[in-house]
Amino acid sequence: MKILNLYCSITGNTKKVALQIEKTVKSLGMMEVTTIEVTKDSDPNAFDLLDFDFIFMGSGVYTWLPPQVMIDFCRAMLKKHVDRGDVKSCAPRIDKKRAVTYSTFGGPHTGVNEAIFAPKFLGQLLDHLGFEIIAEWLIEGQFNSKNEFYRRFNTEGRMGNITGRPDENDLQRVANWVTGVLKV
């Protein structure tokens, strides 16, 4: 199975999760994993999503959605696939093409409700291409900001004390999820 581990990490939280995904996939053996971090310089023509059997796609949450760099990347990737004719009417499923989308989040104001749209946004690109989205994961993450105003959300927000998250327990949970979805 050929796996793509595609992620965007502004503060490092999502990168921790992406590296745990890569580590877990490699530990399972017999699967090829390609890990790509999306940045403002990423080229959607550098690879083809349809070359992969399974995609993990993740980002942090910023005002309920992925960061702008990931939104722009997804739009450019969708345009490429529309222009090539890969996006079909009614988005028919492609046999054995599966994906998981995920987001790291802090949720200081309304908790997990602040995060639920980001993995859904990411999934739409893959769903349009015919991938079956088998899971959407939400992983708590601390605010990594130099600004004290935002750092106080690590202890004052609706999620309780999220300092140091994602932590080892969160990453072990991710490893368990990865093992579970890849063994199905």
N, C-alpha and C. Protein backbone atom coordinates (compact mmCIF):
# COMPACT_ATOMS: atom_id res chain seq x y z
N MET A 1 0.84 -1.17 0.00
CA MET A 1 0.00 0.00 0.00
C MET A 1 0.89 1.24 0.00
N LYS A 2 0.54 2.19 -0.83
CA LYS A 2 1.30 3.43 -0.95
C LYS A 2 0.55 4.52 -0.17
N ILE A 3 1.24 5.11 0.83
CA ILE A 3 0.59 6.04 1.76
C ILE A 3 1.22 7.43 1.63
N LEU A 4 0.35 8.46 1.59
CA LEU A 4 0.79 9.85 1.65
C LEU A 4 0.41 10.41 3.01
N ASN A 5 1.36 11.05 3.65
CA ASN A 5 1.19 11.70 4.94
C ASN A 5 1.41 13.19 4.69
N LEU A 6 0.34 13.92 4.40
CA LEU A 6 0.38 15.32 3.96
C LEU A 6 -0.11 16.20 5.10
N TYR A 7 0.68 17.20 5.47
CA TYR A 7 0.28 18.03 6.60
C TYR A 7 0.82 19.45 6.47
N CYS A 8 0.19 20.35 7.22
CA CYS A 8 0.64 21.73 7.35
C CYS A 8 0.70 22.04 8.83
N SER A 9 1.84 22.53 9.30
CA SER A 9 2.01 22.81 10.72
C SER A 9 2.64 24.19 10.89
N ILE A 10 1.87 25.10 11.45
CA ILE A 10 2.36 26.47 11.67
C ILE A 10 3.13 26.56 12.99
N THR A 11 2.65 25.90 14.04
CA THR A 11 3.26 26.03 15.36
C THR A 11 4.00 24.78 15.83
N GLY A 12 3.92 23.69 15.09
CA GLY A 12 4.62 22.47 15.47
C GLY A 12 3.73 21.37 16.03
N ASN A 13 2.51 21.68 16.44
CA ASN A 13 1.63 20.65 16.99
C ASN A 13 1.26 19.60 15.95
N THR A 14 0.85 20.04 14.78
CA THR A 14 0.45 19.10 13.73
C THR A 14 1.66 18.30 13.24
N LYS A 15 2.84 18.92 13.24
CA LYS A 15 4.04 18.19 12.84
C LYS A 15 4.30 17.02 13.79
N LYS A 16 4.10 17.21 15.09
CA LYS A 16 4.27 16.11 16.04
C LYS A 16 3.37 14.93 15.66
N VAL A 17 2.13 15.24 15.33
CA VAL A 17 1.17 14.20 14.96
C VAL A 17 1.59 13.55 13.64
N ALA A 18 1.97 14.35 12.66
CA ALA A 18 2.38 13.81 11.36
C ALA A 18 3.59 12.89 11.50
N LEU A 19 4.56 13.28 12.32
CA LEU A 19 5.73 12.42 12.52
C LEU A 19 5.37 11.13 13.25
N GLN A 20 4.37 11.20 14.14
CA GLN A 20 3.90 9.98 14.80
C GLN A 20 3.21 9.06 13.79
N ILE A 21 2.46 9.64 12.88
CA ILE A 21 1.82 8.84 11.83
C ILE A 21 2.88 8.14 11.00
N GLU A 22 3.90 8.89 10.56
CA GLU A 22 4.98 8.31 9.77
C GLU A 22 5.68 7.18 10.53
N LYS A 23 6.02 7.42 11.78
CA LYS A 23 6.70 6.43 12.61
C LYS A 23 5.86 5.16 12.75
N THR A 24 4.57 5.32 12.98
CA THR A 24 3.69 4.17 13.15
C THR A 24 3.55 3.38 11.86
N VAL A 25 3.37 4.07 10.75
CA VAL A 25 3.27 3.38 9.46
C VAL A 25 4.53 2.57 9.19
N LYS A 26 5.68 3.18 9.41
CA LYS A 26 6.95 2.47 9.18
C LYS A 26 7.08 1.26 10.10
N SER A 27 6.61 1.38 11.35
CA SER A 27 6.73 0.26 12.28
C SER A 27 5.84 -0.91 11.89
N LEU A 28 4.78 -0.64 11.14
CA LEU A 28 3.89 -1.70 10.69
C LEU A 28 4.51 -2.51 9.55
N GLY A 29 5.48 -1.93 8.84
CA GLY A 29 6.17 -2.61 7.75
C GLY A 29 5.28 -2.83 6.54
N MET A 30 5.89 -3.24 5.46
CA MET A 30 5.21 -3.59 4.21
C MET A 30 4.36 -2.46 3.62
N MET A 31 4.58 -1.22 4.05
CA MET A 31 3.86 -0.08 3.50
C MET A 31 4.86 1.03 3.23
N GLU A 32 4.69 1.66 2.09
CA GLU A 32 5.54 2.78 1.72
C GLU A 32 4.84 4.07 2.13
N VAL A 33 5.53 4.94 2.88
CA VAL A 33 4.94 6.20 3.30
C VAL A 33 5.79 7.37 2.82
N THR A 34 5.11 8.36 2.24
CA THR A 34 5.74 9.60 1.82
C THR A 34 5.16 10.71 2.67
N THR A 35 6.01 11.42 3.40
CA THR A 35 5.57 12.51 4.25
C THR A 35 5.95 13.84 3.61
N ILE A 36 4.95 14.71 3.44
CA ILE A 36 5.16 16.02 2.81
C ILE A 36 4.53 17.10 3.68
N GLU A 37 5.33 18.11 4.02
CA GLU A 37 4.80 19.26 4.76
C GLU A 37 4.44 20.35 3.77
N VAL A 38 3.21 20.82 3.84
CA VAL A 38 2.74 21.91 2.98
C VAL A 38 3.20 23.23 3.59
N THR A 39 3.86 24.02 2.77
CA THR A 39 4.30 25.37 3.15
C THR A 39 3.83 26.33 2.05
N LYS A 40 4.09 27.61 2.25
CA LYS A 40 3.67 28.58 1.22
C LYS A 40 4.38 28.34 -0.11
N ASP A 41 5.49 27.61 -0.10
CA ASP A 41 6.24 27.33 -1.32
C ASP A 41 5.90 25.98 -1.94
N SER A 42 4.97 25.24 -1.36
CA SER A 42 4.65 23.90 -1.87
C SER A 42 3.99 23.99 -3.25
N ASP A 43 4.38 23.08 -4.10
CA ASP A 43 3.88 23.03 -5.47
C ASP A 43 2.89 21.87 -5.62
N PRO A 44 1.62 22.14 -5.90
CA PRO A 44 0.65 21.06 -6.05
C PRO A 44 0.93 20.16 -7.25
N ASN A 45 1.81 20.59 -8.13
CA ASN A 45 2.17 19.76 -9.28
C ASN A 45 3.36 18.85 -9.00
N ALA A 46 3.92 18.93 -7.80
CA ALA A 46 5.09 18.12 -7.46
C ALA A 46 4.75 16.65 -7.23
N PHE A 47 3.48 16.36 -6.99
CA PHE A 47 3.05 14.97 -6.77
C PHE A 47 1.58 14.86 -7.12
N ASP A 48 1.10 13.63 -7.21
CA ASP A 48 -0.28 13.37 -7.60
C ASP A 48 -0.98 12.60 -6.49
N LEU A 49 -2.05 13.15 -5.97
CA LEU A 49 -2.80 12.49 -4.90
C LEU A 49 -3.30 11.11 -5.32
N LEU A 50 -3.64 10.96 -6.57
CA LEU A 50 -4.20 9.70 -7.05
C LEU A 50 -3.15 8.59 -7.17
N ASP A 51 -1.88 8.92 -6.97
CA ASP A 51 -0.83 7.90 -6.96
C ASP A 51 -0.81 7.12 -5.64
N PHE A 52 -1.60 7.57 -4.67
CA PHE A 52 -1.57 6.97 -3.34
C PHE A 52 -2.85 6.20 -3.06
N ASP A 53 -2.70 5.14 -2.28
CA ASP A 53 -3.85 4.32 -1.90
C ASP A 53 -4.52 4.84 -0.63
N PHE A 54 -3.73 5.45 0.24
CA PHE A 54 -4.23 5.92 1.52
C PHE A 54 -3.57 7.27 1.81
N ILE A 55 -4.37 8.24 2.24
CA ILE A 55 -3.82 9.57 2.55
C ILE A 55 -4.22 9.97 3.97
N PHE A 56 -3.22 10.39 4.73
CA PHE A 56 -3.43 11.09 6.00
C PHE A 56 -3.22 12.56 5.67
N MET A 57 -4.19 13.41 5.99
CA MET A 57 -4.08 14.83 5.67
C MET A 57 -4.47 15.65 6.89
N GLY A 58 -3.53 16.50 7.38
CA GLY A 58 -3.81 17.22 8.60
C GLY A 58 -3.30 18.64 8.62
N SER A 59 -3.88 19.41 9.54
CA SER A 59 -3.44 20.78 9.77
C SER A 59 -3.92 21.23 11.14
N GLY A 60 -3.44 22.37 11.56
CA GLY A 60 -3.97 23.00 12.75
C GLY A 60 -5.28 23.70 12.41
N VAL A 61 -5.88 24.29 13.43
CA VAL A 61 -7.15 25.01 13.26
C VAL A 61 -6.92 26.48 13.58
N TYR A 62 -7.33 27.35 12.66
CA TYR A 62 -7.19 28.79 12.82
C TYR A 62 -8.51 29.43 12.43
N THR A 63 -9.22 29.96 13.39
CA THR A 63 -10.55 30.51 13.17
C THR A 63 -11.41 29.49 12.41
N TRP A 64 -11.46 28.29 12.94
CA TRP A 64 -12.34 27.19 12.55
C TRP A 64 -11.90 26.43 11.31
N LEU A 65 -10.89 26.86 10.62
CA LEU A 65 -10.47 26.22 9.37
C LEU A 65 -8.96 25.96 9.39
N PRO A 66 -8.45 25.23 8.40
CA PRO A 66 -7.00 25.09 8.27
C PRO A 66 -6.36 26.47 8.04
N PRO A 67 -5.05 26.59 8.23
CA PRO A 67 -4.38 27.86 7.96
C PRO A 67 -4.49 28.20 6.46
N GLN A 68 -4.39 29.48 6.15
CA GLN A 68 -4.57 29.94 4.77
C GLN A 68 -3.64 29.23 3.79
N VAL A 69 -2.42 28.92 4.21
CA VAL A 69 -1.49 28.24 3.30
C VAL A 69 -2.05 26.87 2.89
N MET A 70 -2.70 26.16 3.80
CA MET A 70 -3.28 24.86 3.48
C MET A 70 -4.54 25.03 2.63
N ILE A 71 -5.34 26.04 2.94
CA ILE A 71 -6.53 26.31 2.12
C ILE A 71 -6.12 26.60 0.68
N ASP A 72 -5.12 27.46 0.50
CA ASP A 72 -4.65 27.79 -0.84
C ASP A 72 -4.10 26.57 -1.56
N PHE A 73 -3.35 25.73 -0.83
CA PHE A 73 -2.80 24.51 -1.42
C PHE A 73 -3.92 23.58 -1.87
N CYS A 74 -4.92 23.38 -1.03
CA CYS A 74 -6.05 22.50 -1.39
C CYS A 74 -6.79 23.02 -2.61
N ARG A 75 -7.00 24.32 -2.66
CA ARG A 75 -7.68 24.91 -3.83
C ARG A 75 -6.86 24.71 -5.11
N ALA A 76 -5.56 24.91 -5.02
CA ALA A 76 -4.70 24.71 -6.19
C ALA A 76 -4.66 23.25 -6.61
N MET A 77 -4.62 22.35 -5.63
CA MET A 77 -4.62 20.92 -5.93
C MET A 77 -5.95 20.51 -6.57
N LEU A 78 -7.06 21.03 -6.06
CA LEU A 78 -8.36 20.73 -6.64
C LEU A 78 -8.43 21.25 -8.07
N LYS A 79 -7.96 22.46 -8.30
CA LYS A 79 -7.97 23.03 -9.66
C LYS A 79 -7.17 22.15 -10.60
N LYS A 80 -6.01 21.68 -10.17
CA LYS A 80 -5.19 20.80 -11.01
C LYS A 80 -5.99 19.55 -11.40
N HIS A 81 -6.64 18.94 -10.43
CA HIS A 81 -7.38 17.71 -10.70
C HIS A 81 -8.65 17.96 -11.51
N VAL A 82 -9.30 19.10 -11.32
CA VAL A 82 -10.46 19.45 -12.15
C VAL A 82 -10.00 19.65 -13.59
N ASP A 83 -8.93 20.41 -13.78
CA ASP A 83 -8.41 20.68 -15.13
C ASP A 83 -8.01 19.40 -15.85
N ARG A 84 -7.52 18.41 -15.11
CA ARG A 84 -7.12 17.13 -15.71
C ARG A 84 -8.30 16.19 -15.95
N GLY A 85 -9.46 16.54 -15.41
CA GLY A 85 -10.63 15.68 -15.58
C GLY A 85 -10.75 14.59 -14.54
N ASP A 86 -9.99 14.70 -13.45
CA ASP A 86 -10.04 13.68 -12.39
C ASP A 86 -11.28 13.79 -11.52
N VAL A 87 -11.88 14.98 -11.46
CA VAL A 87 -13.09 15.17 -10.65
C VAL A 87 -14.29 14.90 -11.54
N LYS A 88 -15.07 13.89 -11.16
CA LYS A 88 -16.21 13.43 -11.95
C LYS A 88 -17.51 13.88 -11.29
N SER A 89 -18.56 13.99 -12.10
CA SER A 89 -19.88 14.29 -11.58
C SER A 89 -20.26 13.23 -10.55
N CYS A 90 -20.82 13.65 -9.44
CA CYS A 90 -21.23 12.80 -8.31
C CYS A 90 -20.06 12.21 -7.56
N ALA A 91 -18.84 12.59 -7.85
CA ALA A 91 -17.64 12.14 -7.13
C ALA A 91 -17.68 10.65 -6.81
N PRO A 92 -17.67 9.79 -7.84
CA PRO A 92 -17.72 8.35 -7.57
C PRO A 92 -16.49 7.87 -6.80
N ARG A 93 -16.70 6.92 -5.91
CA ARG A 93 -15.60 6.35 -5.14
C ARG A 93 -14.67 5.56 -6.05
N ILE A 94 -13.38 5.64 -5.72
CA ILE A 94 -12.37 4.83 -6.40
C ILE A 94 -12.06 3.67 -5.47
N ASP A 95 -12.19 2.47 -5.95
CA ASP A 95 -11.98 1.28 -5.13
C ASP A 95 -10.61 1.31 -4.45
N LYS A 96 -10.61 1.08 -3.16
CA LYS A 96 -9.41 0.97 -2.33
C LYS A 96 -8.63 2.27 -2.18
N LYS A 97 -9.29 3.40 -2.36
CA LYS A 97 -8.68 4.71 -2.08
C LYS A 97 -9.34 5.23 -0.81
N ARG A 98 -8.56 5.36 0.25
CA ARG A 98 -9.09 5.78 1.55
C ARG A 98 -8.26 6.91 2.13
N ALA A 99 -8.88 7.63 3.08
CA ALA A 99 -8.17 8.76 3.70
C ALA A 99 -8.67 9.01 5.11
N VAL A 100 -7.79 9.63 5.88
CA VAL A 100 -8.10 10.15 7.21
C VAL A 100 -7.68 11.61 7.20
N THR A 101 -8.56 12.48 7.70
CA THR A 101 -8.20 13.88 7.89
C THR A 101 -8.15 14.14 9.39
N TYR A 102 -7.30 15.10 9.78
CA TYR A 102 -7.17 15.38 11.21
C TYR A 102 -6.73 16.82 11.42
N SER A 103 -7.00 17.30 12.62
CA SER A 103 -6.59 18.65 12.99
C SER A 103 -6.17 18.69 14.45
N THR A 104 -5.17 19.51 14.72
CA THR A 104 -4.79 19.83 16.09
C THR A 104 -5.46 21.16 16.43
N PHE A 105 -5.88 21.29 17.70
CA PHE A 105 -6.65 22.48 18.06
C PHE A 105 -6.54 22.76 19.55
N GLY A 106 -6.82 24.00 19.93
CA GLY A 106 -6.83 24.39 21.32
C GLY A 106 -8.22 24.59 21.88
N GLY A 107 -9.13 25.13 21.12
CA GLY A 107 -10.51 25.28 21.53
C GLY A 107 -10.78 26.09 22.78
N PRO A 108 -10.15 27.27 22.96
CA PRO A 108 -10.33 27.98 24.23
C PRO A 108 -11.73 28.56 24.41
N HIS A 109 -12.42 28.81 23.34
CA HIS A 109 -13.71 29.49 23.46
C HIS A 109 -14.89 28.51 23.49
N THR A 110 -15.00 27.66 22.49
CA THR A 110 -16.15 26.75 22.41
C THR A 110 -15.72 25.29 22.36
N GLY A 111 -14.48 25.02 22.74
CA GLY A 111 -14.01 23.64 22.81
C GLY A 111 -13.87 22.98 21.44
N VAL A 112 -14.22 21.72 21.38
CA VAL A 112 -14.05 20.93 20.16
C VAL A 112 -14.87 21.51 18.99
N ASN A 113 -15.95 22.25 19.29
CA ASN A 113 -16.76 22.83 18.23
C ASN A 113 -15.96 23.78 17.34
N GLU A 114 -14.88 24.34 17.87
CA GLU A 114 -14.04 25.23 17.06
C GLU A 114 -13.26 24.46 16.00
N ALA A 115 -13.14 23.15 16.19
CA ALA A 115 -12.24 22.36 15.34
C ALA A 115 -12.94 21.48 14.31
N ILE A 116 -14.21 21.23 14.45
CA ILE A 116 -14.85 20.20 13.62
C ILE A 116 -14.87 20.51 12.13
N PHE A 117 -14.77 21.77 11.75
CA PHE A 117 -14.85 22.10 10.33
C PHE A 117 -13.53 21.89 9.58
N ALA A 118 -12.41 22.01 10.27
CA ALA A 118 -11.11 21.90 9.59
C ALA A 118 -10.88 20.55 8.93
N PRO A 119 -11.07 19.41 9.63
CA PRO A 119 -10.87 18.13 8.94
C PRO A 119 -11.91 17.90 7.84
N LYS A 120 -13.10 18.45 8.00
CA LYS A 120 -14.11 18.32 6.95
C LYS A 120 -13.68 19.09 5.70
N PHE A 121 -13.12 20.29 5.91
CA PHE A 121 -12.61 21.08 4.78
C PHE A 121 -11.55 20.27 4.04
N LEU A 122 -10.59 19.72 4.77
CA LEU A 122 -9.51 18.94 4.15
C LEU A 122 -10.08 17.74 3.38
N GLY A 123 -11.08 17.11 3.95
CA GLY A 123 -11.66 15.93 3.34
C GLY A 123 -12.35 16.20 2.02
N GLN A 124 -12.83 17.41 1.82
CA GLN A 124 -13.56 17.69 0.59
C GLN A 124 -12.69 17.54 -0.66
N LEU A 125 -11.44 17.93 -0.59
CA LEU A 125 -10.54 17.73 -1.73
C LEU A 125 -10.46 16.25 -2.07
N LEU A 126 -10.25 15.43 -1.07
CA LEU A 126 -10.09 13.99 -1.29
C LEU A 126 -11.40 13.33 -1.68
N ASP A 127 -12.49 13.77 -1.09
CA ASP A 127 -13.81 13.24 -1.42
C ASP A 127 -14.16 13.53 -2.88
N HIS A 128 -13.84 14.73 -3.36
CA HIS A 128 -14.08 15.07 -4.76
C HIS A 128 -13.31 14.15 -5.71
N LEU A 129 -12.16 13.67 -5.26
CA LEU A 129 -11.35 12.80 -6.11
C LEU A 129 -11.78 11.34 -6.04
N GLY A 130 -12.68 11.00 -5.12
CA GLY A 130 -13.16 9.63 -5.02
C GLY A 130 -12.61 8.83 -3.85
N PHE A 131 -11.85 9.48 -2.96
CA PHE A 131 -11.36 8.81 -1.77
C PHE A 131 -12.50 8.65 -0.77
N GLU A 132 -12.53 7.54 -0.06
CA GLU A 132 -13.46 7.35 1.03
C GLU A 132 -12.80 7.90 2.31
N ILE A 133 -13.43 8.89 2.92
CA ILE A 133 -12.91 9.45 4.16
C ILE A 133 -13.40 8.55 5.29
N ILE A 134 -12.48 7.79 5.89
CA ILE A 134 -12.91 6.80 6.88
C ILE A 134 -12.86 7.31 8.32
N ALA A 135 -12.18 8.45 8.53
CA ALA A 135 -12.13 9.01 9.88
C ALA A 135 -11.71 10.47 9.82
N GLU A 136 -12.17 11.22 10.82
CA GLU A 136 -11.75 12.60 11.04
C GLU A 136 -11.29 12.67 12.49
N TRP A 137 -10.02 12.97 12.71
CA TRP A 137 -9.46 12.98 14.06
C TRP A 137 -9.24 14.41 14.53
N LEU A 138 -9.49 14.64 15.80
CA LEU A 138 -9.23 15.92 16.44
C LEU A 138 -8.30 15.68 17.62
N ILE A 139 -7.18 16.38 17.64
CA ILE A 139 -6.15 16.17 18.65
C ILE A 139 -5.87 17.51 19.34
N GLU A 140 -5.99 17.54 20.66
CA GLU A 140 -5.75 18.76 21.41
C GLU A 140 -4.29 19.20 21.29
N GLY A 141 -4.09 20.50 21.19
CA GLY A 141 -2.74 21.04 21.11
C GLY A 141 -2.65 22.40 21.80
N GLN A 142 -1.54 22.64 22.44
CA GLN A 142 -1.35 23.91 23.14
C GLN A 142 -1.13 25.04 22.16
N PHE A 143 -1.35 26.26 22.62
CA PHE A 143 -1.05 27.44 21.84
C PHE A 143 0.44 27.71 21.94
N ASN A 144 1.13 27.67 20.84
CA ASN A 144 2.57 27.94 20.79
C ASN A 144 2.76 29.35 20.26
N SER A 145 2.60 30.29 21.11
CA SER A 145 2.69 31.70 20.72
C SER A 145 3.64 32.42 21.66
N LYS A 146 4.32 33.42 21.13
CA LYS A 146 5.15 34.28 21.97
C LYS A 146 4.29 35.32 22.66
N ASN A 147 3.06 35.47 22.21
CA ASN A 147 2.15 36.46 22.75
C ASN A 147 1.45 35.89 23.99
N GLU A 148 1.65 36.55 25.13
CA GLU A 148 1.06 36.09 26.40
C GLU A 148 -0.46 35.99 26.32
N PHE A 149 -1.09 36.85 25.56
CA PHE A 149 -2.55 36.81 25.42
C PHE A 149 -3.00 35.43 24.95
N TYR A 150 -2.33 34.86 23.96
CA TYR A 150 -2.71 33.55 23.44
C TYR A 150 -2.21 32.42 24.33
N ARG A 151 -1.05 32.56 24.91
CA ARG A 151 -0.51 31.50 25.78
C ARG A 151 -1.41 31.25 26.99
N ARG A 152 -2.10 32.27 27.47
CA ARG A 152 -2.97 32.08 28.63
C ARG A 152 -4.12 31.14 28.31
N PHE A 153 -4.45 30.97 27.02
CA PHE A 153 -5.51 30.04 26.64
C PHE A 153 -5.13 28.59 26.93
N ASN A 154 -3.83 28.33 27.13
CA ASN A 154 -3.41 26.97 27.48
C ASN A 154 -3.96 26.51 28.82
N THR A 155 -4.28 27.45 29.69
CA THR A 155 -4.81 27.07 31.01
C THR A 155 -6.18 27.66 31.29
N GLU A 156 -6.60 28.67 30.54
CA GLU A 156 -7.86 29.35 30.83
C GLU A 156 -9.00 28.96 29.89
N GLY A 157 -8.74 28.17 28.89
CA GLY A 157 -9.76 27.87 27.90
C GLY A 157 -10.72 26.77 28.28
N ARG A 158 -11.69 26.53 27.47
CA ARG A 158 -12.73 25.54 27.71
C ARG A 158 -12.19 24.12 27.76
N MET A 159 -11.02 23.86 27.17
CA MET A 159 -10.45 22.52 27.13
C MET A 159 -9.68 22.19 28.42
N GLY A 160 -9.63 23.13 29.36
CA GLY A 160 -8.83 22.89 30.57
C GLY A 160 -7.37 23.17 30.27
N ASN A 161 -6.49 22.55 31.01
CA ASN A 161 -5.06 22.77 30.84
C ASN A 161 -4.54 21.92 29.68
N ILE A 162 -4.21 22.59 28.59
CA ILE A 162 -3.70 21.88 27.40
C ILE A 162 -2.20 22.11 27.20
N THR A 163 -1.55 22.63 28.23
CA THR A 163 -0.11 22.87 28.16
C THR A 163 0.62 21.56 27.82
N GLY A 164 1.52 21.64 26.85
CA GLY A 164 2.32 20.47 26.46
C GLY A 164 1.64 19.51 25.51
N ARG A 165 0.45 19.81 25.08
CA ARG A 165 -0.26 18.90 24.18
C ARG A 165 -0.02 19.32 22.73
N PRO A 166 0.02 18.39 21.82
CA PRO A 166 -0.18 16.97 22.03
C PRO A 166 1.01 16.36 22.77
N ASP A 167 0.67 15.56 23.78
CA ASP A 167 1.70 14.94 24.61
C ASP A 167 1.84 13.46 24.24
N GLU A 168 2.63 12.74 25.02
CA GLU A 168 2.88 11.32 24.71
C GLU A 168 1.59 10.50 24.68
N ASN A 169 0.65 10.81 25.58
CA ASN A 169 -0.63 10.09 25.58
C ASN A 169 -1.40 10.35 24.29
N ASP A 170 -1.41 11.61 23.84
CA ASP A 170 -2.08 11.95 22.59
C ASP A 170 -1.43 11.23 21.40
N LEU A 171 -0.09 11.22 21.40
CA LEU A 171 0.63 10.58 20.28
C LEU A 171 0.44 9.07 20.30
N GLN A 172 0.33 8.47 21.47
CA GLN A 172 0.04 7.04 21.55
C GLN A 172 -1.36 6.74 21.02
N ARG A 173 -2.29 7.62 21.33
CA ARG A 173 -3.65 7.48 20.79
C ARG A 173 -3.62 7.55 19.27
N VAL A 174 -2.85 8.48 18.72
CA VAL A 174 -2.71 8.59 17.26
C VAL A 174 -2.11 7.30 16.70
N ALA A 175 -1.07 6.77 17.34
CA ALA A 175 -0.45 5.52 16.88
C ALA A 175 -1.48 4.39 16.87
N ASN A 176 -2.31 4.32 17.89
CA ASN A 176 -3.35 3.29 17.94
C ASN A 176 -4.36 3.47 16.82
N TRP A 177 -4.74 4.71 16.56
CA TRP A 177 -5.69 4.98 15.48
C TRP A 177 -5.10 4.59 14.13
N VAL A 178 -3.84 4.97 13.90
CA VAL A 178 -3.18 4.64 12.63
C VAL A 178 -3.14 3.12 12.44
N THR A 179 -2.74 2.42 13.46
CA THR A 179 -2.70 0.95 13.39
C THR A 179 -4.07 0.40 13.07
N GLY A 180 -5.08 0.92 13.72
CA GLY A 180 -6.44 0.44 13.50
C GLY A 180 -6.94 0.66 12.08
N VAL A 181 -6.76 1.87 11.54
CA VAL A 181 -7.28 2.13 10.20
C VAL A 181 -6.50 1.42 9.11
N LEU A 182 -5.22 1.16 9.34
CA LEU A 182 -4.44 0.50 8.31
C LEU A 182 -4.58 -1.03 8.34
N LYS A 183 -5.07 -1.54 9.43
CA LYS A 183 -5.25 -3.00 9.51
C LYS A 183 -6.64 -3.43 9.05
N VAL A 184 -7.51 -2.48 8.77
CA VAL A 184 -8.86 -2.81 8.31
C VAL A 184 -8.84 -3.20 6.85
